Amino acid sequence: MTQAARPAPHPFKRYGQLSLGSLLILLAPLVTPLPGPAGAILFAGGMILVLRNSVWARQRWARLKRRFPRIGAFVDRMMRRGSALRRHARDKAAAAN
């Protein structure tokens, strides 16, 4: 199963989403003391935007996941990343055999 390549977003859109993601990550600790999960939601949304729009951030994220695989797997499941779902299904099928 192959995925079709997504067209590259316009640079203004890409930098705008990257800036918004960074802003959400920076605002997350300020919102955390408020009741509810707002800080975690802001941080996750910011991470998603940054990882989608920055090659450098994706490389760093991959390196962190290799160093701390349990945490990386947990975060991938929480973010519902397709790669995590495929890896989980593959590991489950290998364990059954």
Protein backbone atom coordinates (compact mmCIF):
# COMPACT_ATOMS: atom_id res chain seq x y z
CA MET A 1 0.00 0.00 0.00
CA THR A 2 1.57 3.29 -1.08
CA GLN A 3 0.59 6.80 -0.25
CA ALA A 4 0.33 9.53 -2.84
CA ALA A 5 2.76 12.35 -2.21
CA ARG A 6 1.14 15.46 -0.82
CA PRO A 7 1.76 18.63 -2.79
CA ALA A 8 4.15 21.01 -1.06
CA PRO A 9 2.26 23.78 0.75
CA HIS A 10 2.85 27.38 -0.21
CA PRO A 11 5.81 28.80 1.76
CA PHE A 12 3.65 31.44 3.47
CA LYS A 13 1.19 28.79 4.58
CA ARG A 14 4.02 26.53 5.76
CA TYR A 15 5.75 29.26 7.76
CA GLY A 16 2.42 30.42 9.15
CA GLN A 17 1.57 26.93 10.40
CA LEU A 18 5.10 26.53 11.77
CA SER A 19 4.79 29.84 13.65
CA LEU A 20 1.33 28.94 14.97
CA GLY A 21 2.60 25.55 16.14
CA SER A 22 5.55 27.15 17.93
CA LEU A 23 3.22 29.67 19.56
CA LEU A 24 0.89 26.90 20.76
CA ILE A 25 3.85 25.00 22.26
CA LEU A 26 5.02 28.15 24.05
CA LEU A 27 1.52 28.93 25.36
CA ALA A 28 0.91 25.41 26.69
CA PRO A 29 2.81 25.89 30.01
CA LEU A 30 0.95 29.15 30.64
CA VAL A 31 -2.44 27.48 30.21
CA THR A 32 -1.56 24.33 32.16
CA PRO A 33 -2.55 25.73 35.62
CA LEU A 34 -6.11 26.27 34.41
CA PRO A 35 -8.58 23.44 35.09
CA GLY A 36 -8.92 20.90 32.33
CA PRO A 37 -6.56 19.46 29.75
CA ALA A 38 -6.08 22.69 27.76
CA GLY A 39 -2.29 22.71 28.14
CA ALA A 40 -1.91 19.16 26.83
CA ILE A 41 -4.22 19.86 23.90
CA LEU A 42 -2.35 23.05 22.97
CA PHE A 43 1.00 21.27 23.19
CA ALA A 44 -0.19 18.33 21.07
CA GLY A 45 -1.68 20.64 18.45
CA GLY A 46 1.51 22.66 18.32
CA MET A 47 3.63 19.53 17.97
CA ILE A 48 1.47 18.31 15.09
CA LEU A 49 1.81 21.61 13.22
CA VAL A 50 5.56 21.83 13.81
CA LEU A 51 6.22 18.20 12.82
CA ARG A 52 4.20 18.55 9.63
CA ASN A 53 6.05 21.67 8.51
CA SER A 54 9.66 21.24 9.62
CA VAL A 55 12.11 18.65 8.33
CA TRP A 56 14.53 19.55 11.13
CA ALA A 57 11.86 18.92 13.79
CA ARG A 58 10.91 15.56 12.21
CA GLN A 59 14.54 14.45 12.26
CA ARG A 60 14.91 15.45 15.91
CA TRP A 61 11.65 13.72 16.77
CA ALA A 62 12.78 10.51 15.05
CA ARG A 63 16.06 10.64 16.98
CA LEU A 64 14.22 11.10 20.29
CA LYS A 65 11.87 8.22 19.48
CA ARG A 66 14.83 5.93 18.81
CA ARG A 67 16.43 6.93 22.10
CA PHE A 68 13.20 6.60 24.13
CA PRO A 69 11.05 4.07 22.24
CA ARG A 70 8.36 3.62 24.90
CA ILE A 71 7.67 7.34 25.13
CA GLY A 72 7.78 7.71 21.34
CA ALA A 73 5.30 4.87 20.87
CA PHE A 74 2.97 6.37 23.48
CA VAL A 75 3.02 9.82 21.88
CA ASP A 76 2.51 8.36 18.39
CA ARG A 77 -0.55 6.46 19.64
CA MET A 78 -1.93 9.59 21.28
CA MET A 79 -1.39 11.60 18.09
CA ARG A 80 -2.98 8.75 16.06
CA ARG A 81 -0.08 8.75 13.61
CA GLY A 82 -0.54 6.39 10.68
CA SER A 83 2.98 5.07 11.03
CA ALA A 84 2.31 4.08 14.64
CA LEU A 85 -0.89 2.27 13.69
CA ARG A 86 0.87 0.36 10.88
CA ARG A 87 3.82 -0.53 13.15
CA HIS A 88 1.45 -1.73 15.89
CA ALA A 89 -0.48 -3.92 13.43
CA ARG A 90 2.78 -5.35 12.01
CA ASP A 91 4.12 -6.14 15.50
CA LYS A 92 0.83 -7.75 16.47
CA ALA A 93 0.86 -9.94 13.34
CA ALA A 94 4.49 -10.94 13.97
CA ALA A 95 3.67 -11.91 17.55
CA ALA A 96 0.77 -14.09 16.37
CA ASN A 97 3.05 -16.07 14.02
